[in-house]
Protein backbone atom coordinates (compact mmCIF):
# COMPACT_ATOMS: atom_id res chain seq x y z
CA MET A 1 -9.34 -9.33 0.71
CA LEU A 2 -11.98 -6.98 2.09
CA TYR A 3 -11.16 -3.63 3.61
CA LYS A 4 -13.43 -2.19 6.25
CA ILE A 5 -14.10 1.48 5.76
CA GLN A 6 -14.99 3.48 8.83
CA ASP A 7 -17.52 6.30 8.48
CA GLU A 8 -16.13 8.89 10.87
CA PRO A 9 -12.94 7.84 12.60
CA ASP A 10 -11.21 10.37 14.83
CA ASP A 11 -7.70 9.77 13.49
CA HIS A 12 -8.51 9.22 9.76
CA GLU A 13 -7.33 5.63 9.74
CA CYS A 14 -7.74 3.19 6.84
CA GLY A 15 -9.13 -0.30 7.43
CA CYS A 16 -5.58 -1.69 7.18
CA GLY A 17 -4.41 0.52 10.05
CA GLU A 18 -2.43 3.09 8.07
CA LEU A 19 -3.24 6.75 8.61
CA ILE A 20 -4.83 8.65 5.72
CA GLU A 21 -3.33 12.05 4.91
CA GLU A 22 -5.51 15.04 5.86
CA GLY A 23 -5.71 16.39 2.29
CA ARG A 24 -6.73 12.99 0.95
CA TRP A 25 -9.37 12.68 3.66
CA ASP A 26 -10.73 16.17 2.91
CA ILE A 27 -11.46 15.34 -0.74
CA GLY A 28 -13.40 12.22 0.21
CA TYR A 29 -10.99 9.28 0.14
CA ARG A 30 -11.48 6.85 3.01
CA VAL A 31 -8.71 4.38 2.12
CA CYS A 32 -4.93 4.84 2.02
CA LEU A 33 -2.99 4.93 -1.26
CA GLU A 34 -1.85 1.33 -0.97
CA CYS A 35 -5.34 -0.06 -0.32
CA GLY A 36 -6.80 2.21 -3.01
CA ASP A 37 -4.29 0.82 -5.50
CA LYS A 38 -5.24 -2.77 -4.59
CA ILE A 39 -8.94 -1.99 -5.01
CA ALA A 40 -8.35 -0.24 -8.36
CA LYS A 41 -6.44 -3.23 -9.74
CA GLN A 42 -9.39 -5.50 -8.97
CA LYS A 43 -11.83 -3.45 -11.06
CA LYS A 44 -12.36 -4.23 -14.73
CA PHE A 45 -13.55 -1.69 -17.26
CA THR A 46 -15.22 -1.88 -20.64
CA VAL A 47 -13.96 0.31 -23.46
CA ALA A 48 -16.33 1.76 -26.05
CA ILE A 49 -14.77 2.76 -29.34
CA PRO A 50 -16.56 4.62 -32.15
CA TYR A 51 -16.73 3.25 -35.67
CA GLY A 52 -17.30 5.37 -38.76
CA LYS A 53 -21.00 5.43 -39.75
CA GLY A 54 -21.81 3.07 -36.93
CA ALA A 55 -22.51 2.80 -33.27
CA TYR A 56 -20.01 2.48 -30.47
CA GLN A 57 -18.54 -0.99 -30.08
CA LEU A 58 -18.10 -2.30 -26.54
CA ILE A 59 -14.84 -4.15 -25.99
CA HIS A 60 -14.55 -6.38 -22.92
CA ASN A 61 -11.46 -8.37 -23.85
CA PRO A 62 -8.18 -6.41 -24.21
CA GLU A 63 -7.05 -8.80 -26.98
CA GLU A 64 -10.06 -7.79 -29.09
CA LEU A 65 -9.06 -4.15 -28.74
CA LYS A 66 -5.81 -4.91 -30.57
CA MET A 67 -7.78 -6.19 -33.58
CA THR A 68 -10.00 -3.12 -34.03
CA ASN A 69 -7.62 -0.95 -36.05
CA GLN A 70 -9.49 -0.26 -39.30
CA LYS A 71 -6.27 0.61 -41.18
CA GLU A 72 -4.48 -2.62 -40.32
CA VAL A 73 -4.04 -5.17 -43.13
CA ARG A 74 -5.36 -8.55 -42.05
CA VAL A 75 -4.14 -11.74 -43.59
């Protein structure tokens, strides 16, 4: 679902029709909390973890992150 973001609305309204609080608008948010939450849940992030005497390792899959504990005994 796409949300239209207006550049300079008079009543600080989100694309869904809900009004955006004045304080939220003043710090630069142009979507309401509910729409912002939906947008944030759609984004995926990559985690970089440091290894001793090595470079950072990029982890894309959350399951791989569970297997990176160096102290864990693997069978």
